[in-house]
N, C-alpha and C. Protein backbone atom coordinates (compact mmCIF):
# COMPACT_ATOMS: atom_id res chain seq x y z
N UNK A 1 171.96 166.42 122.15
CA UNK A 1 172.65 167.43 121.04
C UNK A 1 171.17 168.22 120.05
N UNK A 2 171.28 169.04 119.75
CA UNK A 2 170.12 169.74 119.02
C UNK A 2 169.90 168.93 117.74
N UNK A 3 168.21 168.84 117.48
CA UNK A 3 167.97 168.26 116.41
C UNK A 3 167.95 169.18 115.22
N UNK A 4 168.93 170.33 114.78
CA UNK A 4 169.28 171.16 114.17
C UNK A 4 170.30 170.72 113.90
N UNK A 5 171.03 170.67 114.83
CA UNK A 5 172.69 170.00 114.86
C UNK A 5 172.97 169.05 113.87
N UNK A 6 173.54 169.30 113.05
CA UNK A 6 174.39 168.51 111.95
C UNK A 6 175.78 167.90 112.54
N UNK A 7 175.53 166.76 112.36
CA UNK A 7 177.34 166.06 112.65
C UNK A 7 178.03 166.38 111.14
N UNK A 8 178.82 166.92 111.38
CA UNK A 8 179.82 167.52 110.00
C UNK A 8 181.21 166.54 110.28
N UNK A 9 181.62 166.71 109.21
CA UNK A 9 183.14 165.92 109.03
C UNK A 9 184.27 166.34 110.02
N UNK A 10 184.30 167.85 110.61
CA UNK A 10 184.72 168.31 111.45
C UNK A 10 184.51 167.63 112.82
N UNK A 11 183.29 167.91 112.85
CA UNK A 11 183.17 167.07 113.95
C UNK A 11 183.60 165.77 114.76
N UNK A 12 183.20 165.02 113.33
CA UNK A 12 183.53 163.53 113.55
C UNK A 12 185.05 163.56 114.03
N UNK A 13 185.95 164.22 113.03
CA UNK A 13 187.56 164.35 113.06
C UNK A 13 187.61 164.78 114.46
N UNK A 14 186.83 165.37 114.87
CA UNK A 14 187.41 166.10 116.40
C UNK A 14 186.77 164.90 117.48
N UNK A 15 186.21 164.19 117.77
CA UNK A 15 185.80 163.09 118.27
C UNK A 15 186.62 162.29 118.26
N UNK A 16 186.90 161.25 116.57
CA UNK A 16 187.74 160.17 116.76
C UNK A 16 189.38 161.01 117.24
N UNK A 17 189.69 162.08 117.26
CA UNK A 17 190.52 162.54 117.60
C UNK A 17 190.86 162.16 118.93
N UNK A 18 189.38 162.63 120.14
CA UNK A 18 189.93 162.19 120.94
C UNK A 18 189.85 160.77 121.47
N UNK A 19 189.02 160.37 120.82
CA UNK A 19 188.87 158.86 121.10
C UNK A 19 189.91 158.08 121.34
N UNK A 20 190.95 158.70 119.99
CA UNK A 20 192.00 157.97 119.50
C UNK A 20 193.68 157.73 120.76
N UNK A 21 193.12 158.94 121.85
CA UNK A 21 193.82 159.04 123.18
C UNK A 21 193.63 157.89 123.85
N UNK A 22 192.42 157.73 124.00
CA UNK A 22 192.23 156.44 124.83
C UNK A 22 193.23 155.32 125.06
N UNK A 23 193.63 154.55 126.22
CA UNK A 23 194.23 153.48 126.05
C UNK A 23 193.61 152.68 125.36
N UNK A 24 194.32 151.85 124.81
CA UNK A 24 194.21 150.88 124.15
C UNK A 24 193.08 149.41 124.85
N UNK A 25 193.59 149.10 125.92
CA UNK A 25 192.79 147.98 127.23
C UNK A 25 192.03 148.43 127.67
N UNK A 26 191.39 149.56 127.24
CA UNK A 26 190.60 150.35 128.09
C UNK A 26 188.99 150.12 127.00
N UNK A 27 187.90 149.87 128.13
CA UNK A 27 186.77 150.00 127.61
C UNK A 27 185.77 150.89 128.12
N UNK A 28 185.02 151.64 127.48
CA UNK A 28 184.03 152.94 127.72
C UNK A 28 182.36 151.94 127.79
N UNK A 29 181.69 152.48 128.72
CA UNK A 29 180.30 151.91 128.97
C UNK A 29 179.05 153.17 128.37
N UNK A 30 178.93 153.05 127.39
CA UNK A 30 177.59 153.48 127.15
C UNK A 30 176.06 153.19 127.53
N UNK A 31 175.48 153.90 128.26
CA UNK A 31 174.49 153.38 128.50
C UNK A 31 174.38 151.76 129.01
N UNK A 32 173.03 151.99 128.20
CA UNK A 32 172.65 150.18 128.01
C UNK A 32 173.00 149.92 127.28
N UNK A 33 173.97 150.39 126.18
CA UNK A 33 174.06 149.67 124.88
C UNK A 33 175.27 148.72 125.07
N UNK A 34 175.99 148.78 126.50
CA UNK A 34 177.21 148.19 127.01
C UNK A 34 178.28 148.28 126.58
N UNK A 35 179.44 147.50 126.76
CA UNK A 35 181.05 147.99 126.77
C UNK A 35 181.53 148.18 125.46
N UNK A 36 182.12 149.55 125.06
CA UNK A 36 183.11 149.24 123.63
C UNK A 36 184.53 149.61 123.83
N UNK A 37 185.30 148.99 123.14
CA UNK A 37 186.93 149.51 122.88
C UNK A 37 187.13 150.32 121.97
N UNK A 38 187.93 151.05 122.26
CA UNK A 38 188.25 152.25 121.90
C UNK A 38 187.82 152.00 120.04
N UNK A 39 188.74 151.02 119.69
CA UNK A 39 188.21 150.72 118.15
C UNK A 39 187.08 150.40 117.70
N UNK A 40 186.23 149.89 118.72
CA UNK A 40 184.87 149.60 118.81
C UNK A 40 183.74 151.20 118.31
N UNK A 41 184.23 152.42 119.41
CA UNK A 41 184.20 153.41 119.26
C UNK A 41 184.09 154.09 118.35
N UNK A 42 185.26 154.40 118.00
CA UNK A 42 185.80 154.77 116.46
C UNK A 42 185.36 154.37 115.33
N UNK A 43 185.03 153.26 115.12
CA UNK A 43 184.33 152.77 113.80
C UNK A 43 183.19 152.70 114.47
N UNK A 44 182.07 152.91 115.14
CA UNK A 44 180.88 153.74 115.51
C UNK A 44 180.81 155.17 114.80
N UNK A 45 181.31 155.92 115.46
CA UNK A 45 181.17 157.01 114.83
C UNK A 45 181.62 157.07 113.20
N UNK A 46 182.40 156.71 113.11
CA UNK A 46 183.11 156.79 111.30
C UNK A 46 181.52 155.88 110.34
N UNK A 47 180.55 155.07 111.38
CA UNK A 47 179.95 154.40 110.50
C UNK A 47 178.42 154.83 110.74
N UNK A 48 178.15 156.28 112.03
CA UNK A 48 177.15 156.77 112.14
C UNK A 48 175.98 156.11 112.34
N UNK A 49 176.47 155.16 113.40
CA UNK A 49 175.20 154.75 114.00
C UNK A 49 174.93 154.99 115.21
N UNK A 50 173.72 154.71 115.63
CA UNK A 50 173.03 155.14 116.62
C UNK A 50 174.44 155.07 117.94
N UNK A 51 175.35 154.78 118.43
CA UNK A 51 175.84 154.44 119.17
C UNK A 51 176.99 155.51 119.05
N UNK A 52 177.24 155.51 117.73
CA UNK A 52 178.64 156.66 117.92
C UNK A 52 177.85 157.95 117.90
N UNK A 53 176.40 157.89 116.90
CA UNK A 53 175.70 158.99 117.12
C UNK A 53 176.44 159.73 118.86
N UNK A 54 175.59 158.96 119.73
CA UNK A 54 175.82 159.12 120.70
C UNK A 54 177.13 159.48 121.55
N UNK A 55 178.34 158.92 121.15
CA UNK A 55 179.44 159.12 121.59
C UNK A 55 179.57 160.62 121.14
N UNK A 56 179.52 160.98 119.79
CA UNK A 56 179.53 162.21 119.37
C UNK A 56 178.38 163.41 119.99
N UNK A 57 177.72 163.10 120.53
CA UNK A 57 176.36 163.71 121.54
C UNK A 57 177.54 163.87 122.70
N UNK A 58 177.74 163.08 123.29
CA UNK A 58 178.44 162.85 124.66
C UNK A 58 179.48 163.94 124.84
N UNK A 59 180.09 163.68 123.62
CA UNK A 59 181.60 164.68 123.87
C UNK A 59 181.51 166.13 123.12
N UNK A 60 180.24 166.20 122.68
CA UNK A 60 180.03 167.13 122.21
C UNK A 60 179.91 168.09 123.50
N UNK A 61 178.75 167.50 124.53
CA UNK A 61 178.44 168.19 125.40
C UNK A 61 179.20 168.48 126.80
N UNK A 62 180.00 167.38 126.84
CA UNK A 62 181.37 167.73 127.64
C UNK A 62 182.25 168.95 127.31
N UNK A 63 182.71 169.02 125.68
CA UNK A 63 183.12 170.04 125.34
C UNK A 63 182.42 171.76 125.68
N UNK A 64 181.46 171.65 125.53
CA UNK A 64 180.67 172.66 125.80
C UNK A 64 180.64 172.68 127.43
N UNK A 65 180.53 171.79 128.24
CA UNK A 65 180.83 172.23 129.51
C UNK A 65 182.13 172.43 130.68
N UNK A 66 183.23 172.30 128.94
CA UNK A 66 184.38 172.75 129.68
C UNK A 66 184.60 174.26 128.88
N UNK A 67 183.70 174.50 127.94
CA UNK A 67 183.74 176.21 127.96
C UNK A 67 183.07 176.99 128.33
N UNK A 68 182.56 176.30 129.64
CA UNK A 68 181.16 176.90 130.45
C UNK A 68 182.44 177.57 131.28
N UNK A 69 183.05 176.32 131.82
CA UNK A 69 183.47 176.23 133.18
C UNK A 69 182.97 175.34 134.13
N UNK A 70 182.13 174.49 133.72
CA UNK A 70 180.83 173.73 134.68
C UNK A 70 181.86 172.28 135.14
N UNK A 71 182.86 171.92 133.89
CA UNK A 71 184.07 170.78 133.54
C UNK A 71 185.52 171.59 133.61
N UNK A 72 186.32 171.28 134.77
CA UNK A 72 187.78 171.74 134.48
C UNK A 72 188.35 170.78 134.55
């Protein structure tokens, strides 16, 4: 994520909406931060933690790649 880019409430809502469709029983590994449940991921995004900001960065990169046709 670019330093200039600010995390707006709309972006947070978008990321949270995408996280809410994850199955309850699945965990997501975020690099060397460890594994997180869906509710832990959403909580981190809401609290603007380092992990939450990383999740937002990953989701935005994924959406940009889809837009560019890199990911289908």
